[in-house]
Amino acid sequence: MPLDDFMRLLIAVSILLVAVAAVVVLVKLAMLLDNLREKIDQIWPTERGRERT
């Protein structure tokens, strides 16, 4: 396999890894924001928070 093909493969794999890492970070951030919103609802209930309880 020529070096050019190897470099293309390396770049493709690194881009894929960066995309997967970005998705993981976004999911973690969404979970963190959801937990934070629930804690805020417990401390300072909003109209929607009162309906759920």
C-alpha atoms as a PDB file:
ATOM      1  CA  MET A   1       0.000   0.000   0.000  1.00  0.00           C
ATOM      2  CA  PRO A   2       1.585   3.306  -1.046  1.00  0.00           C
ATOM      3  CA  LEU A   3       2.197   5.995   1.542  1.00  0.00           C
ATOM      4  CA  ASP A   4      -0.432   8.260  -0.052  1.00  0.00           C
ATOM      5  CA  ASP A   5      -3.194   5.696   0.522  1.00  0.00           C
ATOM      6  CA  PHE A   6      -1.976   5.170   4.077  1.00  0.00           C
ATOM      7  CA  MET A   7      -2.152   8.905   4.775  1.00  0.00           C
ATOM      8  CA  ARG A   8      -5.676   9.083   3.354  1.00  0.00           C
ATOM      9  CA  LEU A   9      -6.732   6.169   5.566  1.00  0.00           C
ATOM     10  CA  LEU A  10      -5.116   7.815   8.590  1.00  0.00           C
ATOM     11  CA  ILE A  11      -6.905  11.106   7.906  1.00  0.00           C
ATOM     12  CA  ALA A  12     -10.252   9.335   7.404  1.00  0.00           C
ATOM     13  CA  VAL A  13      -9.876   7.389  10.662  1.00  0.00           C
ATOM     14  CA  SER A  14      -8.879  10.512  12.596  1.00  0.00           C
ATOM     15  CA  ILE A  15     -11.874  12.449  11.227  1.00  0.00           C
ATOM     16  CA  LEU A  16     -14.145   9.560  12.219  1.00  0.00           C
ATOM     17  CA  LEU A  17     -12.678   9.520  15.739  1.00  0.00           C
ATOM     18  CA  VAL A  18     -13.163  13.282  16.079  1.00  0.00           C
ATOM     19  CA  ALA A  19     -16.792  12.938  14.944  1.00  0.00           C
ATOM     20  CA  VAL A  20     -17.459  10.156  17.465  1.00  0.00           C
ATOM     21  CA  ALA A  21     -15.814  12.183  20.234  1.00  0.00           C
ATOM     22  CA  ALA A  22     -17.952  15.216  19.331  1.00  0.00           C
ATOM     23  CA  VAL A  23     -21.145  13.135  19.538  1.00  0.00           C
ATOM     24  CA  VAL A  24     -20.093  11.730  22.923  1.00  0.00           C
ATOM     25  CA  VAL A  25     -19.358  15.236  24.233  1.00  0.00           C
ATOM     26  CA  LEU A  26     -22.737  16.515  23.003  1.00  0.00           C
ATOM     27  CA  VAL A  27     -24.579  13.618  24.665  1.00  0.00           C
ATOM     28  CA  LYS A  28     -22.719  14.175  27.947  1.00  0.00           C
ATOM     29  CA  LEU A  29     -23.499  17.902  27.783  1.00  0.00           C
ATOM     30  CA  ALA A  30     -27.187  17.198  27.144  1.00  0.00           C
ATOM     31  CA  MET A  31     -27.320  14.827  30.125  1.00  0.00           C
ATOM     32  CA  LEU A  32     -25.554  17.392  32.319  1.00  0.00           C
ATOM     33  CA  LEU A  33     -27.963  20.152  31.285  1.00  0.00           C
ATOM     34  CA  ASP A  34     -30.954  17.885  31.937  1.00  0.00           C
ATOM     35  CA  ASN A  35     -29.669  17.046  35.431  1.00  0.00           C
ATOM     36  CA  LEU A  36     -29.009  20.723  36.101  1.00  0.00           C
ATOM     37  CA  ARG A  37     -32.531  21.641  34.985  1.00  0.00           C
ATOM     38  CA  GLU A  38     -34.033  19.027  37.309  1.00  0.00           C
ATOM     39  CA  LYS A  39     -32.007  20.382  40.237  1.00  0.00           C
ATOM     40  CA  ILE A  40     -33.111  23.935  39.449  1.00  0.00           C
ATOM     41  CA  ASP A  41     -36.731  22.729  39.299  1.00  0.00           C
ATOM     42  CA  GLN A  42     -36.348  21.193  42.761  1.00  0.00           C
ATOM     43  CA  ILE A  43     -34.855  24.374  44.223  1.00  0.00           C
ATOM     44  CA  TRP A  44     -37.005  26.899  42.371  1.00  0.00           C
ATOM     45  CA  PRO A  45     -40.092  25.185  40.887  1.00  0.00           C
ATOM     46  CA  THR A  46     -41.417  26.545  37.618  1.00  0.00           C
ATOM     47  CA  GLU A  47     -44.940  26.045  36.280  1.00  0.00           C
ATOM     48  CA  ARG A  48     -43.847  23.016  34.260  1.00  0.00           C
ATOM     49  CA  GLY A  49     -41.978  21.607  37.261  1.00  0.00           C
ATOM     50  CA  ARG A  50     -45.093  21.869  39.423  1.00  0.00           C
ATOM     51  CA  GLU A  51     -47.152  19.986  36.827  1.00  0.00           C
ATOM     52  CA  ARG A  52     -44.733  17.028  36.884  1.00  0.00           C
ATOM     53  CA  THR A  53     -44.841  16.539  40.653  1.00  0.00           C
END
